[in-house]
Amino acid sequence: MSYYRKLYDAFEKSFYLSVTAGILVSSCLGGITAMIVLMKGFGPVQMVQVFLITCVCMGYNTAVLAGLKPKPVYHILLASVLTNLSVILFNAVV
């Protein structure tokens, strides 16, 4: 069984616990990412990055509040975490 499938099965099994933890992780990681971006300055590039961060974090919160099924919520959480980590890595390199 793949690692993705194991994580998804655990997410689905305890869905309400997982979405609560996901909201905390997504929001905290988004806040940390926004802080890192804004430490680089307040130019147009940074503002686009902050907009992207805000959209993906709010997208996950919206998916949870809308009561979507576990699979799309899980995918949106992965997208949120991966986007935030990508922006952090981009700002660490540049």
PDB file of N, CA and C in Angstrom:
ATOM      1  N   MET A   1       0.843  -1.174   0.000  1.00  0.00           N
ATOM      2  CA  MET A   1       0.000   0.000   0.000  1.00  0.00           C
ATOM      3  C   MET A   1       0.894   1.244   0.000  1.00  0.00           C
ATOM      4  N   SER A   2       0.525   2.213  -0.773  1.00  0.00           N
ATOM      5  CA  SER A   2       1.348   3.412  -0.905  1.00  0.00           C
ATOM      6  C   SER A   2       1.229   4.311   0.332  1.00  0.00           C
ATOM      7  N   TYR A   3       2.206   5.152   0.483  1.00  0.00           N
ATOM      8  CA  TYR A   3       2.236   6.090   1.596  1.00  0.00           C
ATOM      9  C   TYR A   3       1.049   7.053   1.518  1.00  0.00           C
ATOM     10  N   TYR A   4       0.736   7.501   0.307  1.00  0.00           N
ATOM     11  CA  TYR A   4      -0.414   8.384   0.098  1.00  0.00           C
ATOM     12  C   TYR A   4      -1.692   7.714   0.595  1.00  0.00           C
ATOM     13  N   ARG A   5      -1.871   6.459   0.241  1.00  0.00           N
ATOM     14  CA  ARG A   5      -3.096   5.734   0.607  1.00  0.00           C
ATOM     15  C   ARG A   5      -3.185   5.536   2.117  1.00  0.00           C
ATOM     16  N   LYS A   6      -2.053   5.245   2.765  1.00  0.00           N
ATOM     17  CA  LYS A   6      -2.047   5.089   4.221  1.00  0.00           C
ATOM     18  C   LYS A   6      -2.452   6.382   4.911  1.00  0.00           C
ATOM     19  N   LEU A   7      -1.885   7.494   4.444  1.00  0.00           N
ATOM     20  CA  LEU A   7      -2.242   8.785   5.034  1.00  0.00           C
ATOM     21  C   LEU A   7      -3.704   9.129   4.794  1.00  0.00           C
ATOM     22  N   TYR A   8      -4.188   8.850   3.588  1.00  0.00           N
ATOM     23  CA  TYR A   8      -5.593   9.148   3.286  1.00  0.00           C
ATOM     24  C   TYR A   8      -6.526   8.279   4.128  1.00  0.00           C
ATOM     25  N   ASP A   9      -6.200   7.008   4.298  1.00  0.00           N
ATOM     26  CA  ASP A   9      -7.036   6.124   5.111  1.00  0.00           C
ATOM     27  C   ASP A   9      -7.101   6.599   6.557  1.00  0.00           C
ATOM     28  N   ALA A  10      -5.968   7.037   7.103  1.00  0.00           N
ATOM     29  CA  ALA A  10      -5.942   7.574   8.469  1.00  0.00           C
ATOM     30  C   ALA A  10      -6.758   8.867   8.548  1.00  0.00           C
ATOM     31  N   PHE A  11      -6.649   9.711   7.518  1.00  0.00           N
ATOM     32  CA  PHE A  11      -7.406  10.965   7.460  1.00  0.00           C
ATOM     33  C   PHE A  11      -8.901  10.679   7.421  1.00  0.00           C
ATOM     34  N   GLU A  12      -9.289   9.734   6.603  1.00  0.00           N
ATOM     35  CA  GLU A  12     -10.713   9.411   6.443  1.00  0.00           C
ATOM     36  C   GLU A  12     -11.283   8.719   7.678  1.00  0.00           C
ATOM     37  N   LYS A  13     -10.476   7.882   8.313  1.00  0.00           N
ATOM     38  CA  LYS A  13     -10.943   7.127   9.479  1.00  0.00           C
ATOM     39  C   LYS A  13     -11.321   8.068  10.624  1.00  0.00           C
ATOM     40  N   SER A  14     -10.482   9.047  10.883  1.00  0.00           N
ATOM     41  CA  SER A  14     -10.771  10.029  11.940  1.00  0.00           C
ATOM     42  C   SER A  14     -10.925  11.406  11.294  1.00  0.00           C
ATOM     43  N   PHE A  15     -11.946  11.538  10.483  1.00  0.00           N
ATOM     44  CA  PHE A  15     -12.127  12.722   9.644  1.00  0.00           C
ATOM     45  C   PHE A  15     -12.228  14.001  10.465  1.00  0.00           C
ATOM     46  N   TYR A  16     -13.078  14.022  11.480  1.00  0.00           N
ATOM     47  CA  TYR A  16     -13.296  15.263  12.224  1.00  0.00           C
ATOM     48  C   TYR A  16     -12.065  15.687  13.021  1.00  0.00           C
ATOM     49  N   LEU A  17     -11.329  14.734  13.546  1.00  0.00           N
ATOM     50  CA  LEU A  17     -10.068  15.057  14.206  1.00  0.00           C
ATOM     51  C   LEU A  17      -9.053  15.578  13.190  1.00  0.00           C
ATOM     52  N   SER A  18      -9.032  14.956  12.020  1.00  0.00           N
ATOM     53  CA  SER A  18      -8.058  15.335  10.991  1.00  0.00           C
ATOM     54  C   SER A  18      -8.330  16.722  10.431  1.00  0.00           C
ATOM     55  N   VAL A  19      -9.604  17.065  10.213  1.00  0.00           N
ATOM     56  CA  VAL A  19      -9.863  18.402   9.665  1.00  0.00           C
ATOM     57  C   VAL A  19      -9.551  19.482  10.688  1.00  0.00           C
ATOM     58  N   THR A  20      -9.764  19.176  11.968  1.00  0.00           N
ATOM     59  CA  THR A  20      -9.404  20.146  13.006  1.00  0.00           C
ATOM     60  C   THR A  20      -7.897  20.372  13.035  1.00  0.00           C
ATOM     61  N   ALA A  21      -7.148  19.285  13.013  1.00  0.00           N
ATOM     62  CA  ALA A  21      -5.688  19.401  12.970  1.00  0.00           C
ATOM     63  C   ALA A  21      -5.241  20.071  11.677  1.00  0.00           C
ATOM     64  N   GLY A  22      -5.925  19.774  10.578  1.00  0.00           N
ATOM     65  CA  GLY A  22      -5.600  20.380   9.290  1.00  0.00           C
ATOM     66  C   GLY A  22      -5.799  21.883   9.290  1.00  0.00           C
ATOM     67  N   ILE A  23      -6.862  22.344   9.936  1.00  0.00           N
ATOM     68  CA  ILE A  23      -7.096  23.785  10.026  1.00  0.00           C
ATOM     69  C   ILE A  23      -5.958  24.449  10.793  1.00  0.00           C
ATOM     70  N   LEU A  24      -5.551  23.835  11.893  1.00  0.00           N
ATOM     71  CA  LEU A  24      -4.435  24.394  12.669  1.00  0.00           C
ATOM     72  C   LEU A  24      -3.148  24.404  11.859  1.00  0.00           C
ATOM     73  N   VAL A  25      -2.848  23.293  11.210  1.00  0.00           N
ATOM     74  CA  VAL A  25      -1.600  23.196  10.434  1.00  0.00           C
ATOM     75  C   VAL A  25      -1.608  24.184   9.270  1.00  0.00           C
ATOM     76  N   SER A  26      -2.703  24.198   8.516  1.00  0.00           N
ATOM     77  CA  SER A  26      -2.788  25.074   7.348  1.00  0.00           C
ATOM     78  C   SER A  26      -2.699  26.546   7.748  1.00  0.00           C
ATOM     79  N   SER A  27      -3.426  26.923   8.787  1.00  0.00           N
ATOM     80  CA  SER A  27      -3.437  28.327   9.202  1.00  0.00           C
ATOM     81  C   SER A  27      -2.099  28.758   9.789  1.00  0.00           C
ATOM     82  N   CYS A  28      -1.523  27.928  10.649  1.00  0.00           N
ATOM     83  CA  CYS A  28      -0.228  28.281  11.250  1.00  0.00           C
ATOM     84  C   CYS A  28       0.883  28.312  10.205  1.00  0.00           C
ATOM     85  N   LEU A  29       0.901  27.318   9.336  1.00  0.00           N
ATOM     86  CA  LEU A  29       1.912  27.297   8.283  1.00  0.00           C
ATOM     87  C   LEU A  29       1.731  28.479   7.337  1.00  0.00           C
ATOM     88  N   GLY A  30       0.493  28.844   7.050  1.00  0.00           N
ATOM     89  CA  GLY A  30       0.230  30.009   6.207  1.00  0.00           C
ATOM     90  C   GLY A  30       0.717  31.297   6.853  1.00  0.00           C
ATOM     91  N   GLY A  31       0.499  31.425   8.160  1.00  0.00           N
ATOM     92  CA  GLY A  31       0.974  32.611   8.874  1.00  0.00           C
ATOM     93  C   GLY A  31       2.490  32.708   8.891  1.00  0.00           C
ATOM     94  N   ILE A  32       3.137  31.570   9.115  1.00  0.00           N
ATOM     95  CA  ILE A  32       4.604  31.540   9.105  1.00  0.00           C
ATOM     96  C   ILE A  32       5.127  31.883   7.714  1.00  0.00           C
ATOM     97  N   THR A  33       4.490  31.327   6.697  1.00  0.00           N
ATOM     98  CA  THR A  33       4.916  31.600   5.323  1.00  0.00           C
ATOM     99  C   THR A  33       4.740  33.073   4.984  1.00  0.00           C
ATOM    100  N   ALA A  34       3.612  33.648   5.362  1.00  0.00           N
ATOM    101  CA  ALA A  34       3.380  35.073   5.090  1.00  0.00           C
ATOM    102  C   ALA A  34       4.422  35.932   5.795  1.00  0.00           C
ATOM    103  N   MET A  35       4.779  35.563   7.023  1.00  0.00           N
ATOM    104  CA  MET A  35       5.800  36.324   7.754  1.00  0.00           C
ATOM    105  C   MET A  35       7.141  36.253   7.034  1.00  0.00           C
ATOM    106  N   ILE A  36       7.509  35.065   6.561  1.00  0.00           N
ATOM    107  CA  ILE A  36       8.776  34.898   5.848  1.00  0.00           C
ATOM    108  C   ILE A  36       8.785  35.726   4.569  1.00  0.00           C
ATOM    109  N   VAL A  37       7.670  35.705   3.856  1.00  0.00           N
ATOM    110  CA  VAL A  37       7.574  36.476   2.603  1.00  0.00           C
ATOM    111  C   VAL A  37       7.692  37.964   2.888  1.00  0.00           C
ATOM    112  N   LEU A  38       6.968  38.442   3.886  1.00  0.00           N
ATOM    113  CA  LEU A  38       6.973  39.880   4.164  1.00  0.00           C
ATOM    114  C   LEU A  38       8.282  40.360   4.783  1.00  0.00           C
ATOM    115  N   MET A  39       9.088  39.447   5.316  1.00  0.00           N
ATOM    116  CA  MET A  39      10.421  39.832   5.801  1.00  0.00           C
ATOM    117  C   MET A  39      11.331  40.199   4.636  1.00  0.00           C
ATOM    118  N   LYS A  40      10.995  39.736   3.424  1.00  0.00           N
ATOM    119  CA  LYS A  40      11.779  40.055   2.220  1.00  0.00           C
ATOM    120  C   LYS A  40      11.435  41.423   1.650  1.00  0.00           C
ATOM    121  N   GLY A  41      10.309  41.986   2.041  1.00  0.00           N
ATOM    122  CA  GLY A  41       9.901  43.290   1.526  1.00  0.00           C
ATOM    123  C   GLY A  41       8.411  43.336   1.266  1.00  0.00           C
ATOM    124  N   PHE A  42       7.989  44.455   0.668  1.00  0.00           N
ATOM    125  CA  PHE A  42       6.570  44.673   0.420  1.00  0.00           C
ATOM    126  C   PHE A  42       6.290  44.988  -1.041  1.00  0.00           C
ATOM    127  N   GLY A  43       7.087  44.436  -1.939  1.00  0.00           N
ATOM    128  CA  GLY A  43       6.935  44.694  -3.368  1.00  0.00           C
ATOM    129  C   GLY A  43       5.813  43.869  -3.987  1.00  0.00           C
ATOM    130  N   PRO A  44       5.594  44.051  -5.283  1.00  0.00           N
ATOM    131  CA  PRO A  44       4.538  43.315  -5.984  1.00  0.00           C
ATOM    132  C   PRO A  44       4.729  41.795  -5.945  1.00  0.00           C
ATOM    133  N   VAL A  45       5.962  41.342  -6.023  1.00  0.00           N
ATOM    134  CA  VAL A  45       6.217  39.893  -5.986  1.00  0.00           C
ATOM    135  C   VAL A  45       5.802  39.328  -4.631  1.00  0.00           C
ATOM    136  N   GLN A  46       6.125  40.021  -3.566  1.00  0.00           N
ATOM    137  CA  GLN A  46       5.757  39.555  -2.238  1.00  0.00           C
ATOM    138  C   GLN A  46       4.240  39.586  -2.041  1.00  0.00           C
ATOM    139  N   MET A  47       3.593  40.613  -2.586  1.00  0.00           N
ATOM    140  CA  MET A  47       2.143  40.708  -2.429  1.00  0.00           C
ATOM    141  C   MET A  47       1.418  39.592  -3.186  1.00  0.00           C
ATOM    142  N   VAL A  48       1.949  39.206  -4.343  1.00  0.00           N
ATOM    143  CA  VAL A  48       1.365  38.079  -5.090  1.00  0.00           C
ATOM    144  C   VAL A  48       1.545  36.793  -4.295  1.00  0.00           C
ATOM    145  N   GLN A  49       2.698  36.630  -3.666  1.00  0.00           N
ATOM    146  CA  GLN A  49       2.931  35.443  -2.853  1.00  0.00           C
ATOM    147  C   GLN A  49       1.989  35.400  -1.646  1.00  0.00           C
ATOM    148  N   VAL A  50       1.794  36.530  -0.987  1.00  0.00           N
ATOM    149  CA  VAL A  50       0.880  36.585   0.150  1.00  0.00           C
ATOM    150  C   VAL A  50      -0.553  36.298  -0.308  1.00  0.00           C
ATOM    151  N   PHE A  51      -0.933  36.800  -1.476  1.00  0.00           N
ATOM    152  CA  PHE A  51      -2.258  36.511  -2.030  1.00  0.00           C
ATOM    153  C   PHE A  51      -2.428  35.009  -2.266  1.00  0.00           C
ATOM    154  N   LEU A  52      -1.417  34.375  -2.841  1.00  0.00           N
ATOM    155  CA  LEU A  52      -1.463  32.933  -3.089  1.00  0.00           C
ATOM    156  C   LEU A  52      -1.577  32.157  -1.777  1.00  0.00           C
ATOM    157  N   ILE A  53      -0.793  32.526  -0.805  1.00  0.00           N
ATOM    158  CA  ILE A  53      -0.827  31.864   0.503  1.00  0.00           C
ATOM    159  C   ILE A  53      -2.210  31.992   1.125  1.00  0.00           C
ATOM    160  N   THR A  54      -2.751  33.186   1.094  1.00  0.00           N
ATOM    161  CA  THR A  54      -4.065  33.427   1.673  1.00  0.00           C
ATOM    162  C   THR A  54      -5.135  32.611   0.967  1.00  0.00           C
ATOM    163  N   CYS A  55      -5.065  32.535  -0.348  1.00  0.00           N
ATOM    164  CA  CYS A  55      -6.064  31.781  -1.116  1.00  0.00           C
ATOM    165  C   CYS A  55      -6.043  30.296  -0.788  1.00  0.00           C
ATOM    166  N   VAL A  56      -4.864  29.702  -0.716  1.00  0.00           N
ATOM    167  CA  VAL A  56      -4.818  28.259  -0.457  1.00  0.00           C
ATOM    168  C   VAL A  56      -5.219  27.937   0.976  1.00  0.00           C
ATOM    169  N   CYS A  57      -4.841  28.773   1.927  1.00  0.00           N
ATOM    170  CA  CYS A  57      -5.234  28.515   3.318  1.00  0.00           C
ATOM    171  C   CYS A  57      -6.734  28.708   3.513  1.00  0.00           C
ATOM    172  N   MET A  58      -7.270  29.760   2.936  1.00  0.00           N
ATOM    173  CA  MET A  58      -8.712  29.979   3.038  1.00  0.00           C
ATOM    174  C   MET A  58      -9.491  28.952   2.234  1.00  0.00           C
ATOM    175  N   GLY A  59      -8.882  28.446   1.165  1.00  0.00           N
ATOM    176  CA  GLY A  59      -9.536  27.404   0.379  1.00  0.00           C
ATOM    177  C   GLY A  59      -9.750  26.148   1.195  1.00  0.00           C
ATOM    178  N   TYR A  60      -8.755  25.776   1.988  1.00  0.00           N
ATOM    179  CA  TYR A  60      -8.912  24.595   2.847  1.00  0.00           C
ATOM    180  C   TYR A  60      -9.980  24.842   3.903  1.00  0.00           C
ATOM    181  N   ASN A  61      -9.938  26.001   4.559  1.00  0.00           N
ATOM    182  CA  ASN A  61     -10.940  26.312   5.575  1.00  0.00           C
ATOM    183  C   ASN A  61     -12.343  26.321   4.972  1.00  0.00           C
ATOM    184  N   THR A  62     -12.470  26.830   3.765  1.00  0.00           N
ATOM    185  CA  THR A  62     -13.761  26.854   3.080  1.00  0.00           C
ATOM    186  C   THR A  62     -14.241  25.447   2.759  1.00  0.00           C
ATOM    187  N   ALA A  63     -13.332  24.585   2.320  1.00  0.00           N
ATOM    188  CA  ALA A  63     -13.701  23.199   2.007  1.00  0.00           C
ATOM    189  C   ALA A  63     -14.214  22.479   3.247  1.00  0.00           C
ATOM    190  N   VAL A  64     -13.595  22.740   4.379  1.00  0.00           N
ATOM    191  CA  VAL A  64     -14.046  22.115   5.632  1.00  0.00           C
ATOM    192  C   VAL A  64     -15.413  22.657   6.017  1.00  0.00           C
ATOM    193  N   LEU A  65     -15.573  23.982   5.979  1.00  0.00           N
ATOM    194  CA  LEU A  65     -16.844  24.582   6.373  1.00  0.00           C
ATOM    195  C   LEU A  65     -17.982  24.243   5.413  1.00  0.00           C
ATOM    196  N   ALA A  66     -17.653  24.002   4.160  1.00  0.00           N
ATOM    197  CA  ALA A  66     -18.681  23.641   3.184  1.00  0.00           C
ATOM    198  C   ALA A  66     -19.140  22.198   3.351  1.00  0.00           C
ATOM    199  N   GLY A  67     -18.411  21.424   4.140  1.00  0.00           N
ATOM    200  CA  GLY A  67     -18.801  20.045   4.389  1.00  0.00           C
ATOM    201  C   GLY A  67     -18.542  19.119   3.220  1.00  0.00           C
ATOM    202  N   LEU A  68     -17.449  19.369   2.503  1.00  0.00           N
ATOM    203  CA  LEU A  68     -17.117  18.503   1.382  1.00  0.00           C
ATOM    204  C   LEU A  68     -16.732  17.110   1.884  1.00  0.00           C
ATOM    205  N   LYS A  69     -16.727  16.167   0.978  1.00  0.00           N
ATOM    206  CA  LYS A  69     -16.358  14.797   1.321  1.00  0.00           C
ATOM    207  C   LYS A  69     -14.863  14.739   1.665  1.00  0.00           C
ATOM    208  N   PRO A  70     -14.434  13.666   2.329  1.00  0.00           N
ATOM    209  CA  PRO A  70     -13.035  13.599   2.793  1.00  0.00           C
ATOM    210  C   PRO A  70     -11.981  13.691   1.694  1.00  0.00           C
ATOM    211  N   LYS A  71     -12.218  13.105   0.532  1.00  0.00           N
ATOM    212  CA  LYS A  71     -11.172  13.083  -0.498  1.00  0.00           C
ATOM    213  C   LYS A  71     -10.808  14.484  -1.008  1.00  0.00           C
ATOM    214  N   PRO A  72     -11.783  15.327  -1.414  1.00  0.00           N
ATOM    215  CA  PRO A  72     -11.369  16.675  -1.845  1.00  0.00           C
ATOM    216  C   PRO A  72     -10.776  17.514  -0.714  1.00  0.00           C
ATOM    217  N   VAL A  73     -11.269  17.321   0.504  1.00  0.00           N
ATOM    218  CA  VAL A  73     -10.708  18.062   1.637  1.00  0.00           C
ATOM    219  C   VAL A  73      -9.245  17.673   1.842  1.00  0.00           C
ATOM    220  N   TYR A  74      -8.958  16.390   1.730  1.00  0.00           N
ATOM    221  CA  TYR A  74      -7.590  15.894   1.871  1.00  0.00           C
ATOM    222  C   TYR A  74      -6.685  16.458   0.784  1.00  0.00           C
ATOM    223  N   HIS A  75      -7.170  16.471  -0.442  1.00  0.00           N
ATOM    224  CA  HIS A  75      -6.367  17.004  -1.546  1.00  0.00           C
ATOM    225  C   HIS A  75      -6.117  18.502  -1.392  1.00  0.00           C
ATOM    226  N   ILE A  76      -7.099  19.221  -0.930  1.00  0.00           N
ATOM    227  CA  ILE A  76      -6.922  20.665  -0.725  1.00  0.00           C
ATOM    228  C   ILE A  76      -5.940  20.918   0.413  1.00  0.00           C
ATOM    229  N   LEU A  77      -5.985  20.093   1.454  1.00  0.00           N
ATOM    230  CA  LEU A  77      -5.007  20.220   2.538  1.00  0.00           C
ATOM    231  C   LEU A  77      -3.596  19.969   2.021  1.00  0.00           C
ATOM    232  N   LEU A  78      -3.431  18.933   1.223  1.00  0.00           N
ATOM    233  CA  LEU A  78      -2.108  18.660   0.641  1.00  0.00           C
ATOM    234  C   LEU A  78      -1.646  19.827  -0.231  1.00  0.00           C
ATOM    235  N   ALA A  79      -2.555  20.361  -1.034  1.00  0.00           N
ATOM    236  CA  ALA A  79      -2.203  21.502  -1.886  1.00  0.00           C
ATOM    237  C   ALA A  79      -1.798  22.707  -1.040  1.00  0.00           C
ATOM    238  N   SER A  80      -2.501  22.936   0.049  1.00  0.00           N
ATOM    239  CA  SER A  80      -2.189  24.061   0.918  1.00  0.00           C
ATOM    240  C   SER A  80      -0.805  23.907   1.545  1.00  0.00           C
ATOM    241  N   VAL A  81      -0.536  22.738   2.086  1.00  0.00           N
ATOM    242  CA  VAL A  81       0.756  22.501   2.734  1.00  0.00           C
ATOM    243  C   VAL A  81       1.892  22.561   1.714  1.00  0.00           C
ATOM    244  N   LEU A  82       1.709  21.925   0.570  1.00  0.00           N
ATOM    245  CA  LEU A  82       2.760  21.925  -0.447  1.00  0.00           C
ATOM    246  C   LEU A  82       3.002  23.318  -1.018  1.00  0.00           C
ATOM    247  N   THR A  83       1.945  24.096  -1.209  1.00  0.00           N
ATOM    248  CA  THR A  83       2.110  25.469  -1.705  1.00  0.00           C
ATOM    249  C   THR A  83       2.877  26.316  -0.703  1.00  0.00           C
ATOM    250  N   ASN A  84       2.508  26.211   0.568  1.00  0.00           N
ATOM    251  CA  ASN A  84       3.208  26.988   1.593  1.00  0.00           C
ATOM    252  C   ASN A  84       4.672  26.583   1.695  1.00  0.00           C
ATOM    253  N   LEU A  85       4.944  25.287   1.665  1.00  0.00           N
ATOM    254  CA  LEU A  85       6.332  24.842   1.718  1.00  0.00           C
ATOM    255  C   LEU A  85       7.131  25.285   0.493  1.00  0.00           C
ATOM    256  N   SER A  86       6.473  25.276  -0.672  1.00  0.00           N
ATOM    257  CA  SER A  86       7.141  25.746  -1.890  1.00  0.00           C
ATOM    258  C   SER A  86       7.497  27.223  -1.795  1.00  0.00           C
ATOM    259  N   VAL A  87       6.589  28.021  -1.273  1.00  0.00           N
ATOM    260  CA  VAL A  87       6.861  29.460  -1.136  1.00  0.00           C
ATOM    261  C   VAL A  87       7.977  29.690  -0.122  1.00  0.00           C
ATOM    262  N   ILE A  88       7.988  28.918   0.961  1.00  0.00           N
ATOM    263  CA  ILE A  88       9.068  29.040   1.940  1.00  0.00           C
ATOM    264  C   ILE A  88      10.409  28.698   1.294  1.00  0.00           C
ATOM    265  N   LEU A  89      10.451  27.609   0.559  1.00  0.00           N
ATOM    266  CA  LEU A  89      11.700  27.218  -0.117  1.00  0.00           C
ATOM    267  C   LEU A  89      12.131  28.244  -1.156  1.00  0.00           C
ATOM    268  N   PHE A  90      11.162  28.786  -1.902  1.00  0.00           N
ATOM    269  CA  PHE A  90      11.471  29.815  -2.902  1.00  0.00           C
ATOM    270  C   PHE A  90      12.120  31.029  -2.233  1.00  0.00           C
ATOM    271  N   ASN A  91      11.572  31.448  -1.103  1.00  0.00           N
ATOM    272  CA  ASN A  91      12.121  32.619  -0.421  1.00  0.00           C
ATOM    273  C   ASN A  91      13.427  32.320   0.284  1.00  0.00           C
ATOM    274  N   ALA A  92      13.666  31.077   0.630  1.00  0.00           N
ATOM    275  CA  ALA A  92      14.947  30.715   1.242  1.00  0.00           C
ATOM    276  C   ALA A  92      16.071  30.732   0.212  1.00  0.00           C
ATOM    277  N   VAL A  93      15.731  30.377  -1.044  1.00  0.00           N
ATOM    278  CA  VAL A  93      16.736  30.326  -2.102  1.00  0.00           C
ATOM    279  C   VAL A  93      16.984  31.693  -2.702  1.00  0.00           C
ATOM    280  N   VAL A  94      15.937  32.454  -2.926  1.00  0.00           N
ATOM    281  CA  VAL A  94      16.048  33.756  -3.590  1.00  0.00           C
ATOM    282  C   VAL A  94      16.426  34.831  -2.619  1.00  0.00           C
TER     283      VAL A  94
END
